[in-house]
Amino acid sequence: LKAEYLIPIFIGELLEHGKISVKVLKTNDTWY
């Protein structure tokens, strides 16, 4: 009744098994 298929959790499982590589793009309102 409550199980959810969530992208962050699924991607986390792929990362754990080395099946995906995800680049983190830092977003921050810099002066530039």
PDB file of all heavy atoms in Angstrom:
ATOM      1  N   LEU A   1       0.803  -1.224   0.000  1.00  0.00           N
ATOM      2  CA  LEU A   1       0.000   0.000   0.000  1.00  0.00           C
ATOM      3  C   LEU A   1       0.837   1.276   0.000  1.00  0.00           C
ATOM      4  O   LEU A   1       0.349   2.336  -0.413  1.00  0.00           O
ATOM      5  CB  LEU A   1      -0.941   0.016   1.211  1.00  0.00           C
ATOM      6  CG  LEU A   1      -1.940  -1.133   1.305  1.00  0.00           C
ATOM      7  CD1 LEU A   1      -2.873  -0.943   2.498  1.00  0.00           C
ATOM      8  CD2 LEU A   1      -2.745  -1.268   0.017  1.00  0.00           C
ATOM      9  N   LYS A   2       2.101   1.191   0.432  1.00  0.00           N
ATOM     10  CA  LYS A   2       2.889   2.427   0.577  1.00  0.00           C
ATOM     11  C   LYS A   2       4.246   2.411  -0.108  1.00  0.00           C
ATOM     12  O   LYS A   2       4.917   3.443  -0.154  1.00  0.00           O
ATOM     13  CB  LYS A   2       3.082   2.748   2.064  1.00  0.00           C
ATOM     14  CG  LYS A   2       1.797   3.102   2.789  1.00  0.00           C
ATOM     15  CD  LYS A   2       2.072   3.529   4.223  1.00  0.00           C
ATOM     16  CE  LYS A   2       0.785   3.937   4.935  1.00  0.00           C
ATOM     17  NZ  LYS A   2       1.054   4.379   6.336  1.00  0.00           N
ATOM     18  N   ALA A   3       4.686   1.293  -0.632  1.00  0.00           N
ATOM     19  CA  ALA A   3       6.001   1.227  -1.275  1.00  0.00           C
ATOM     20  C   ALA A   3       6.058   2.213  -2.445  1.00  0.00           C
ATOM     21  O   ALA A   3       5.118   2.326  -3.233  1.00  0.00           O
ATOM     22  CB  ALA A   3       6.274  -0.187  -1.756  1.00  0.00           C
ATOM     23  N   GLU A   4       7.197   2.953  -2.539  1.00  0.00           N
ATOM     24  CA  GLU A   4       7.351   3.945  -3.606  1.00  0.00           C
ATOM     25  C   GLU A   4       8.640   3.702  -4.384  1.00  0.00           C
ATOM     26  O   GLU A   4       9.675   3.364  -3.803  1.00  0.00           O
ATOM     27  CB  GLU A   4       7.380   5.364  -3.034  1.00  0.00           C
ATOM     28  CG  GLU A   4       6.052   5.864  -2.523  1.00  0.00           C
ATOM     29  CD  GLU A   4       6.128   7.324  -2.116  1.00  0.00           C
ATOM     30  OE1 GLU A   4       6.581   7.591  -0.985  1.00  0.00           O
ATOM     31  OE2 GLU A   4       5.752   8.206  -2.915  1.00  0.00           O
ATOM     32  N   TYR A   5       8.541   3.904  -5.675  1.00  0.00           N
ATOM     33  CA  TYR A   5       9.685   3.757  -6.576  1.00  0.00           C
ATOM     34  C   TYR A   5      10.227   5.167  -6.842  1.00  0.00           C
ATOM     35  O   TYR A   5       9.694   5.902  -7.682  1.00  0.00           O
ATOM     36  CB  TYR A   5       9.235   3.085  -7.871  1.00  0.00           C
ATOM     37  CG  TYR A   5      10.350   2.737  -8.835  1.00  0.00           C
ATOM     38  CD1 TYR A   5      11.490   2.056  -8.415  1.00  0.00           C
ATOM     39  CD2 TYR A   5      10.246   3.083 -10.175  1.00  0.00           C
ATOM     40  CE1 TYR A   5      12.495   1.721  -9.303  1.00  0.00           C
ATOM     41  CE2 TYR A   5      11.245   2.750 -11.082  1.00  0.00           C
ATOM     42  CZ  TYR A   5      12.369   2.065 -10.639  1.00  0.00           C
ATOM     43  OH  TYR A   5      13.367   1.738 -11.525  1.00  0.00           O
ATOM     44  N   LEU A   6      11.285   5.529  -6.115  1.00  0.00           N
ATOM     45  CA  LEU A   6      11.781   6.903  -6.136  1.00  0.00           C
ATOM     46  C   LEU A   6      13.116   6.991  -6.885  1.00  0.00           C
ATOM     47  O   LEU A   6      14.011   6.157  -6.686  1.00  0.00           O
ATOM     48  CB  LEU A   6      11.955   7.426  -4.713  1.00  0.00           C
ATOM     49  CG  LEU A   6      10.697   7.379  -3.845  1.00  0.00           C
ATOM     50  CD1 LEU A   6      11.019   7.804  -2.414  1.00  0.00           C
ATOM     51  CD2 LEU A   6       9.607   8.283  -4.426  1.00  0.00           C
ATOM     52  N   ILE A   7      13.252   8.002  -7.714  1.00  0.00           N
ATOM     53  CA  ILE A   7      14.460   8.165  -8.524  1.00  0.00           C
ATOM     54  C   ILE A   7      15.727   8.268  -7.667  1.00  0.00           C
ATOM     55  O   ILE A   7      16.728   7.589  -7.959  1.00  0.00           O
ATOM     56  CB  ILE A   7      14.323   9.386  -9.461  1.00  0.00           C
ATOM     57  CG1 ILE A   7      13.326   9.061 -10.569  1.00  0.00           C
ATOM     58  CG2 ILE A   7      15.671   9.762 -10.071  1.00  0.00           C
ATOM     59  CD1 ILE A   7      13.101  10.196 -11.537  1.00  0.00           C
ATOM     60  N   PRO A   8      15.750   9.110  -6.619  1.00  0.00           N
ATOM     61  CA  PRO A   8      16.993   9.202  -5.828  1.00  0.00           C
ATOM     62  C   PRO A   8      17.431   7.865  -5.245  1.00  0.00           C
ATOM     63  O   PRO A   8      18.628   7.543  -5.235  1.00  0.00           O
ATOM     64  CB  PRO A   8      16.641  10.204  -4.726  1.00  0.00           C
ATOM     65  CG  PRO A   8      15.505  10.999  -5.281  1.00  0.00           C
ATOM     66  CD  PRO A   8      14.728  10.039  -6.118  1.00  0.00           C
ATOM     67  N   ILE A   9      16.469   7.082  -4.760  1.00  0.00           N
ATOM     68  CA  ILE A   9      16.808   5.786  -4.170  1.00  0.00           C
ATOM     69  C   ILE A   9      17.299   4.821  -5.240  1.00  0.00           C
ATOM     70  O   ILE A   9      18.291   4.101  -5.055  1.00  0.00           O
ATOM     71  CB  ILE A   9      15.591   5.208  -3.420  1.00  0.00           C
ATOM     72  CG1 ILE A   9      15.284   6.074  -2.183  1.00  0.00           C
ATOM     73  CG2 ILE A   9      15.842   3.760  -3.011  1.00  0.00           C
ATOM     74  CD1 ILE A   9      14.065   5.634  -1.413  1.00  0.00           C
ATOM     75  N   PHE A  10      16.621   4.820  -6.395  1.00  0.00           N
ATOM     76  CA  PHE A  10      17.034   3.931  -7.482  1.00  0.00           C
ATOM     77  C   PHE A  10      18.429   4.280  -7.986  1.00  0.00           C
ATOM     78  O   PHE A  10      19.270   3.400  -8.195  1.00  0.00           O
ATOM     79  CB  PHE A  10      16.017   4.003  -8.627  1.00  0.00           C
ATOM     80  CG  PHE A  10      16.386   3.157  -9.808  1.00  0.00           C
ATOM     81  CD1 PHE A  10      16.466   1.775  -9.691  1.00  0.00           C
ATOM     82  CD2 PHE A  10      16.679   3.741 -11.038  1.00  0.00           C
ATOM     83  CE1 PHE A  10      16.815   0.984 -10.790  1.00  0.00           C
ATOM     84  CE2 PHE A  10      17.024   2.961 -12.135  1.00  0.00           C
ATOM     85  CZ  PHE A  10      17.089   1.580 -12.007  1.00  0.00           C
ATOM     86  N   ILE A  11      18.693   5.580  -8.161  1.00  0.00           N
ATOM     87  CA  ILE A  11      20.027   6.003  -8.603  1.00  0.00           C
ATOM     88  C   ILE A  11      21.068   5.649  -7.541  1.00  0.00           C
ATOM     89  O   ILE A  11      22.190   5.248  -7.862  1.00  0.00           O
ATOM     90  CB  ILE A  11      20.043   7.506  -8.924  1.00  0.00           C
ATOM     91  CG1 ILE A  11      19.258   7.761 -10.218  1.00  0.00           C
ATOM     92  CG2 ILE A  11      21.473   8.035  -9.049  1.00  0.00           C
ATOM     93  CD1 ILE A  11      19.203   9.200 -10.648  1.00  0.00           C
ATOM     94  N   GLY A  12      20.685   5.774  -6.271  1.00  0.00           N
ATOM     95  CA  GLY A  12      21.595   5.375  -5.195  1.00  0.00           C
ATOM     96  C   GLY A  12      21.969   3.902  -5.284  1.00  0.00           C
ATOM     97  O   GLY A  12      23.137   3.523  -5.062  1.00  0.00           O
ATOM     98  N   GLU A  13      21.002   3.060  -5.624  1.00  0.00           N
ATOM     99  CA  GLU A  13      21.274   1.621  -5.780  1.00  0.00           C
ATOM    100  C   GLU A  13      22.193   1.370  -6.973  1.00  0.00           C
ATOM    101  O   GLU A  13      23.094   0.521  -6.908  1.00  0.00           O
ATOM    102  CB  GLU A  13      19.948   0.868  -5.951  1.00  0.00           C
ATOM    103  CG  GLU A  13      19.083   0.884  -4.705  1.00  0.00           C
ATOM    104  CD  GLU A  13      17.702   0.301  -4.946  1.00  0.00           C
ATOM    105  OE1 GLU A  13      17.388   0.005  -6.126  1.00  0.00           O
ATOM    106  OE2 GLU A  13      16.927   0.152  -3.979  1.00  0.00           O
ATOM    107  N   LEU A  14      21.970   2.110  -8.071  1.00  0.00           N
ATOM    108  CA  LEU A  14      22.839   1.963  -9.243  1.00  0.00           C
ATOM    109  C   LEU A  14      24.268   2.388  -8.910  1.00  0.00           C
ATOM    110  O   LEU A  14      25.237   1.750  -9.338  1.00  0.00           O
ATOM    111  CB  LEU A  14      22.294   2.797 -10.402  1.00  0.00           C
ATOM    112  CG  LEU A  14      20.951   2.371 -10.994  1.00  0.00           C
ATOM    113  CD1 LEU A  14      20.526   3.357 -12.094  1.00  0.00           C
ATOM    114  CD2 LEU A  14      21.016   0.954 -11.563  1.00  0.00           C
ATOM    115  N   LEU A  15      24.396   3.479  -8.139  1.00  0.00           N
ATOM    116  CA  LEU A  15      25.731   3.938  -7.731  1.00  0.00           C
ATOM    117  C   LEU A  15      26.429   2.890  -6.876  1.00  0.00           C
ATOM    118  O   LEU A  15      27.631   2.623  -7.037  1.00  0.00           O
ATOM    119  CB  LEU A  15      25.608   5.257  -6.950  1.00  0.00           C
ATOM    120  CG  LEU A  15      25.243   6.514  -7.737  1.00  0.00           C
ATOM    121  CD1 LEU A  15      24.912   7.646  -6.778  1.00  0.00           C
ATOM    122  CD2 LEU A  15      26.382   6.927  -8.662  1.00  0.00           C
ATOM    123  N   GLU A  16      25.671   2.302  -5.976  1.00  0.00           N
ATOM    124  CA  GLU A  16      26.238   1.305  -5.064  1.00  0.00           C
ATOM    125  C   GLU A  16      26.807   0.108  -5.822  1.00  0.00           C
ATOM    126  O   GLU A  16      27.823  -0.470  -5.418  1.00  0.00           O
ATOM    127  CB  GLU A  16      25.152   0.840  -4.088  1.00  0.00           C
ATOM    128  CG  GLU A  16      25.651  -0.074  -2.988  1.00  0.00           C
ATOM    129  CD  GLU A  16      24.555  -0.475  -2.012  1.00  0.00           C
ATOM    130  OE1 GLU A  16      23.465   0.139  -2.064  1.00  0.00           O
ATOM    131  OE2 GLU A  16      24.788  -1.394  -1.213  1.00  0.00           O
ATOM    132  N   HIS A  17      26.174  -0.223  -6.943  1.00  0.00           N
ATOM    133  CA  HIS A  17      26.624  -1.385  -7.721  1.00  0.00           C
ATOM    134  C   HIS A  17      27.493  -0.973  -8.916  1.00  0.00           C
ATOM    135  O   HIS A  17      27.808  -1.810  -9.773  1.00  0.00           O
ATOM    136  CB  HIS A  17      25.412  -2.185  -8.208  1.00  0.00           C
ATOM    137  CG  HIS A  17      24.633  -2.845  -7.111  1.00  0.00           C
ATOM    138  ND1 HIS A  17      23.565  -2.244  -6.472  1.00  0.00           N
ATOM    139  CD2 HIS A  17      24.800  -4.057  -6.503  1.00  0.00           C
ATOM    140  CE1 HIS A  17      23.082  -3.061  -5.544  1.00  0.00           C
ATOM    141  NE2 HIS A  17      23.819  -4.171  -5.537  1.00  0.00           N
ATOM    142  N   GLY A  18      27.864   0.288  -8.963  1.00  0.00           N
ATOM    143  CA  GLY A  18      28.746   0.754 -10.020  1.00  0.00           C
ATOM    144  C   GLY A  18      28.133   0.729 -11.409  1.00  0.00           C
ATOM    145  O   GLY A  18      28.847   0.614 -12.410  1.00  0.00           O
ATOM    146  N   LYS A  19      26.817   0.869 -11.490  1.00  0.00           N
ATOM    147  CA  LYS A  19      26.131   0.783 -12.783  1.00  0.00           C
ATOM    148  C   LYS A  19      25.838   2.151 -13.404  1.00  0.00           C
ATOM    149  O   LYS A  19      25.268   2.219 -14.494  1.00  0.00           O
ATOM    150  CB  LYS A  19      24.816   0.009 -12.620  1.00  0.00           C
ATOM    151  CG  LYS A  19      25.013  -1.451 -12.246  1.00  0.00           C
ATOM    152  CD  LYS A  19      23.676  -2.170 -12.135  1.00  0.00           C
ATOM    153  CE  LYS A  19      23.867  -3.637 -11.808  1.00  0.00           C
ATOM    154  NZ  LYS A  19      22.563  -4.365 -11.704  1.00  0.00           N
ATOM    155  N   ILE A  20      26.197   3.221 -12.708  1.00  0.00           N
ATOM    156  CA  ILE A  20      25.948   4.562 -13.229  1.00  0.00           C
ATOM    157  C   ILE A  20      26.968   5.528 -12.640  1.00  0.00           C
ATOM    158  O   ILE A  20      27.491   5.288 -11.536  1.00  0.00           O
ATOM    159  CB  ILE A  20      24.506   5.044 -12.896  1.00  0.00           C
ATOM    160  CG1 ILE A  20      24.120   6.270 -13.730  1.00  0.00           C
ATOM    161  CG2 ILE A  20      24.367   5.328 -11.409  1.00  0.00           C
ATOM    162  CD1 ILE A  20      22.669   6.684 -13.539  1.00  0.00           C
ATOM    163  N   SER A  21      27.253   6.566 -13.371  1.00  0.00           N
ATOM    164  CA  SER A  21      28.115   7.637 -12.869  1.00  0.00           C
ATOM    165  C   SER A  21      27.332   8.940 -12.990  1.00  0.00           C
ATOM    166  O   SER A  21      26.817   9.258 -14.065  1.00  0.00           O
ATOM    167  CB  SER A  21      29.409   7.715 -13.690  1.00  0.00           C
ATOM    168  OG  SER A  21      30.198   8.815 -13.281  1.00  0.00           O
ATOM    169  N   VAL A  22      27.229   9.661 -11.891  1.00  0.00           N
ATOM    170  CA  VAL A  22      26.431  10.895 -11.869  1.00  0.00           C
ATOM    171  C   VAL A  22      27.321  12.055 -11.445  1.00  0.00           C
ATOM    172  O   VAL A  22      27.915  12.040 -10.364  1.00  0.00           O
ATOM    173  CB  VAL A  22      25.237  10.775 -10.895  1.00  0.00           C
ATOM    174  CG1 VAL A  22      24.439  12.075 -10.867  1.00  0.00           C
ATOM    175  CG2 VAL A  22      24.339   9.612 -11.298  1.00  0.00           C
ATOM    176  N   LYS A  23      27.412  13.051 -12.290  1.00  0.00           N
ATOM    177  CA  LYS A  23      28.194  14.246 -11.980  1.00  0.00           C
ATOM    178  C   LYS A  23      27.314  15.238 -11.209  1.00  0.00           C
ATOM    179  O   LYS A  23      26.189  15.512 -11.605  1.00  0.00           O
ATOM    180  CB  LYS A  23      28.694  14.905 -13.263  1.00  0.00           C
ATOM    181  CG  LYS A  23      29.583  16.126 -13.049  1.00  0.00           C
ATOM    182  CD  LYS A  23      30.944  15.738 -12.481  1.00  0.00           C
ATOM    183  CE  LYS A  23      31.802  15.031 -13.503  1.00  0.00           C
ATOM    184  NZ  LYS A  23      33.177  14.768 -12.994  1.00  0.00           N
ATOM    185  N   VAL A  24      27.848  15.754 -10.104  1.00  0.00           N
ATOM    186  CA  VAL A  24      27.125  16.761  -9.323  1.00  0.00           C
ATOM    187  C   VAL A  24      27.549  18.146  -9.814  1.00  0.00           C
ATOM    188  O   VAL A  24      28.733  18.486  -9.798  1.00  0.00           O
ATOM    189  CB  VAL A  24      27.409  16.620  -7.814  1.00  0.00           C
ATOM    190  CG1 VAL A  24      26.674  17.705  -7.029  1.00  0.00           C
ATOM    191  CG2 VAL A  24      26.984  15.242  -7.323  1.00  0.00           C
ATOM    192  N   LEU A  25      26.582  18.915 -10.258  1.00  0.00           N
ATOM    193  CA  LEU A  25      26.835  20.264 -10.756  1.00  0.00           C
ATOM    194  C   LEU A  25      26.429  21.253  -9.673  1.00  0.00           C
ATOM    195  O   LEU A  25      25.239  21.440  -9.404  1.00  0.00           O
ATOM    196  CB  LEU A  25      26.040  20.525 -12.039  1.00  0.00           C
ATOM    197  CG  LEU A  25      26.177  19.467 -13.140  1.00  0.00           C
ATOM    198  CD1 LEU A  25      25.262  19.812 -14.309  1.00  0.00           C
ATOM    199  CD2 LEU A  25      27.622  19.347 -13.594  1.00  0.00           C
ATOM    200  N   LYS A  26      27.408  21.872  -9.047  1.00  0.00           N
ATOM    201  CA  LYS A  26      27.114  22.799  -7.956  1.00  0.00           C
ATOM    202  C   LYS A  26      26.412  24.035  -8.487  1.00  0.00           C
ATOM    203  O   LYS A  26      26.872  24.666  -9.438  1.00  0.00           O
ATOM    204  CB  LYS A  26      28.403  23.209  -7.238  1.00  0.00           C
ATOM    205  CG  LYS A  26      28.152  24.128  -6.046  1.00  0.00           C
ATOM    206  CD  LYS A  26      29.450  24.464  -5.335  1.00  0.00           C
ATOM    207  CE  LYS A  26      29.180  25.394  -4.156  1.00  0.00           C
ATOM    208  NZ  LYS A  26      30.419  25.735  -3.426  1.00  0.00           N
ATOM    209  N   THR A  27      25.288  24.367  -7.901  1.00  0.00           N
ATOM    210  CA  THR A  27      24.547  25.564  -8.293  1.00  0.00           C
ATOM    211  C   THR A  27      24.478  26.499  -7.103  1.00  0.00           C
ATOM    212  O   THR A  27      24.008  26.146  -6.038  1.00  0.00           O
ATOM    213  CB  THR A  27      23.118  25.210  -8.749  1.00  0.00           C
ATOM    214  OG1 THR A  27      22.425  24.588  -7.670  1.00  0.00           O
ATOM    215  CG2 THR A  27      23.152  24.253  -9.920  1.00  0.00           C
ATOM    216  N   ASN A  28      24.972  27.690  -7.329  1.00  0.00           N
ATOM    217  CA  ASN A  28      24.998  28.681  -6.253  1.00  0.00           C
ATOM    218  C   ASN A  28      25.046  30.051  -6.890  1.00  0.00           C
ATOM    219  O   ASN A  28      25.755  30.267  -7.858  1.00  0.00           O
ATOM    220  CB  ASN A  28      26.235  28.472  -5.372  1.00  0.00           C
ATOM    221  CG  ASN A  28      26.212  29.349  -4.141  1.00  0.00           C
ATOM    222  OD1 ASN A  28      25.146  29.686  -3.649  1.00  0.00           O
ATOM    223  ND2 ASN A  28      27.370  29.730  -3.656  1.00  0.00           N
ATOM    224  N   ASP A  29      24.261  30.986  -6.380  1.00  0.00           N
ATOM    225  CA  ASP A  29      24.232  32.330  -6.954  1.00  0.00           C
ATOM    226  C   ASP A  29      25.494  33.079  -6.578  1.00  0.00           C
ATOM    227  O   ASP A  29      25.535  33.820  -5.593  1.00  0.00           O
ATOM    228  CB  ASP A  29      22.996  33.103  -6.476  1.00  0.00           C
ATOM    229  CG  ASP A  29      21.753  32.685  -7.219  1.00  0.00           C
ATOM    230  OD1 ASP A  29      21.866  32.224  -8.360  1.00  0.00           O
ATOM    231  OD2 ASP A  29      20.677  32.839  -6.651  1.00  0.00           O
ATOM    232  N   THR A  30      26.544  32.902  -7.357  1.00  0.00           N
ATOM    233  CA  THR A  30      27.787  33.617  -7.120  1.00  0.00           C
ATOM    234  C   THR A  30      27.705  35.004  -7.728  1.00  0.00           C
ATOM    235  O   THR A  30      26.787  35.324  -8.474  1.00  0.00           O
ATOM    236  CB  THR A  30      28.955  32.857  -7.767  1.00  0.00           C
ATOM    237  OG1 THR A  30      28.724  32.799  -9.184  1.00  0.00           O
ATOM    238  CG2 THR A  30      29.050  31.443  -7.221  1.00  0.00           C
ATOM    239  N   TRP A  31      28.699  35.846  -7.431  1.00  0.00           N
ATOM    240  CA  TRP A  31      28.697  37.185  -8.007  1.00  0.00           C
ATOM    241  C   TRP A  31      28.767  37.106  -9.526  1.00  0.00           C
ATOM    242  O   TRP A  31      28.182  37.929 -10.222  1.00  0.00           O
ATOM    243  CB  TRP A  31      29.878  38.001  -7.466  1.00  0.00           C
ATOM    244  CG  TRP A  31      31.197  37.639  -8.083  1.00  0.00           C
ATOM    245  CD1 TRP A  31      32.089  36.718  -7.632  1.00  0.00           C
ATOM    246  CD2 TRP A  31      31.751  38.173  -9.284  1.00  0.00           C
ATOM    247  NE1 TRP A  31      33.166  36.638  -8.470  1.00  0.00           N
ATOM    248  CE2 TRP A  31      32.998  37.520  -9.493  1.00  0.00           C
ATOM    249  CE3 TRP A  31      31.330  39.136 -10.201  1.00  0.00           C
ATOM    250  CZ2 TRP A  31      33.810  37.809 -10.570  1.00  0.00           C
ATOM    251  CZ3 TRP A  31      32.152  39.408 -11.280  1.00  0.00           C
ATOM    252  CH2 TRP A  31      33.365  38.759 -11.461  1.00  0.00           C
ATOM    253  N   TYR A  32      29.484  36.087 -10.051  1.00  0.00           N
ATOM    254  CA  TYR A  32      29.601  35.953 -11.504  1.00  0.00           C
ATOM    255  C   TYR A  32      28.239  35.683 -12.129  1.00  0.00           C
ATOM    256  O   TYR A  32      27.881  36.251 -13.159  1.00  0.00           O
ATOM    257  CB  TYR A  32      30.574  34.835 -11.827  1.00  0.00           C
ATOM    258  CG  TYR A  32      30.657  34.500 -13.303  1.00  0.00           C
ATOM    259  CD1 TYR A  32      31.213  35.418 -14.203  1.00  0.00           C
ATOM    260  CD2 TYR A  32      30.182  33.294 -13.789  1.00  0.00           C
ATOM    261  CE1 TYR A  32      31.290  35.117 -15.551  1.00  0.00           C
ATOM    262  CE2 TYR A  32      30.259  32.992 -15.130  1.00  0.00           C
ATOM    263  CZ  TYR A  32      30.820  33.910 -16.003  1.00  0.00           C
ATOM    264  OH  TYR A  32      30.890  33.609 -17.336  1.00  0.00           O
TER     265      TYR A  32
END
